[in-house]
Amino acid sequence: IQRHHKNNNIYFVVDMRKGTYRQKCHDPDCKTFQGIEQTLPINATPWLTVVNQEWDNHSPRSMKETL
C-alpha cells in the first residue's frame, strides 16, 4: 500500500474443515488483503485424520465413538 500501516494488527482465518489458514489485515486500506492459503501441520489437525478415515471406510460413526 506504499505507506506504513495505520494499524499493525493482523489476524489469521482458519478453515477447520480444510485444515488451512491465511493471514488478513485490520488496516482499512488493505483490509481486503488475504495471504496465501497455508496448510496447518498434521499434528495440529487430528480431527482431519479421523474424518478422512471415516470417509474412506464408508462407515459413519459418531465423533464420540471414534475418539
Protein backbone atom coordinates (compact mmCIF):
# COMPACT_ATOMS: atom_id res chain seq x y z
CA ILE A 1 0.00 0.00 0.00
CA GLN A 2 3.10 2.19 -0.24
CA ARG A 3 2.94 3.50 3.34
CA HIS A 4 3.17 2.36 6.95
CA HIS A 5 0.07 0.61 8.18
CA LYS A 6 -2.31 2.66 10.31
CA ASN A 7 -2.97 -0.43 12.37
CA ASN A 8 -0.24 -3.05 12.65
CA ASN A 9 -2.55 -5.80 13.81
CA ILE A 10 -3.02 -8.83 11.65
CA TYR A 11 -5.17 -11.88 12.20
CA PHE A 12 -5.45 -15.39 10.89
CA VAL A 13 -8.52 -17.02 9.43
CA VAL A 14 -8.60 -20.78 9.99
CA ASP A 15 -10.73 -23.17 7.96
CA MET A 16 -11.25 -26.12 10.31
CA ARG A 17 -12.79 -28.33 7.63
CA LYS A 18 -9.96 -27.90 5.14
CA GLY A 19 -7.19 -27.64 7.74
CA THR A 20 -5.87 -24.39 6.30
CA TYR A 21 -5.23 -20.82 7.42
CA ARG A 22 -4.47 -17.44 5.85
CA GLN A 23 -3.37 -14.04 7.12
CA LYS A 24 -5.57 -10.94 6.90
CA CYS A 25 -5.05 -7.31 7.91
CA HIS A 26 -7.07 -4.86 10.04
CA ASP A 27 -5.76 -1.75 8.22
CA PRO A 28 -8.65 -0.01 6.39
CA ASP A 29 -6.63 0.40 3.19
CA CYS A 30 -5.66 -3.25 2.89
CA LYS A 31 -8.47 -5.00 4.76
CA THR A 32 -9.30 -6.96 1.61
CA PHE A 33 -5.80 -8.47 1.55
CA GLN A 34 -5.70 -12.23 2.02
CA GLY A 35 -2.44 -14.07 2.40
CA ILE A 36 -1.75 -17.30 0.56
CA GLU A 37 -3.71 -20.20 2.00
CA GLN A 38 -1.38 -22.42 4.04
CA THR A 39 -1.91 -25.94 5.35
CA LEU A 40 -1.98 -26.44 9.11
CA PRO A 41 0.51 -29.03 10.39
CA ILE A 42 -0.97 -32.53 10.57
CA ASN A 43 -0.29 -32.73 14.33
CA ALA A 44 -2.47 -29.63 14.78
CA THR A 45 -5.42 -31.17 12.94
CA PRO A 46 -6.05 -34.66 14.35
CA TRP A 47 -9.78 -34.41 13.54
CA LEU A 48 -8.98 -34.39 9.81
CA THR A 49 -7.39 -37.83 10.06
CA VAL A 50 -10.44 -39.21 11.86
CA VAL A 51 -12.83 -37.67 9.36
CA ASN A 52 -10.79 -38.92 6.40
CA GLN A 53 -10.65 -42.44 7.85
CA GLU A 54 -14.41 -42.44 8.34
CA TRP A 55 -14.94 -41.26 4.80
CA ASP A 56 -12.56 -43.88 3.39
CA ASN A 57 -14.19 -46.68 5.38
CA HIS A 58 -17.72 -45.55 4.48
CA SER A 59 -18.79 -46.42 8.00
CA PRO A 60 -20.42 -43.45 9.70
CA ARG A 61 -19.81 -43.34 13.42
CA SER A 62 -20.36 -40.55 15.87
CA MET A 63 -17.34 -38.48 16.86
CA LYS A 64 -17.76 -39.74 20.43
CA GLU A 65 -17.36 -43.37 19.31
CA THR A 66 -14.39 -42.50 17.12
CA LEU A 67 -12.49 -40.71 19.86
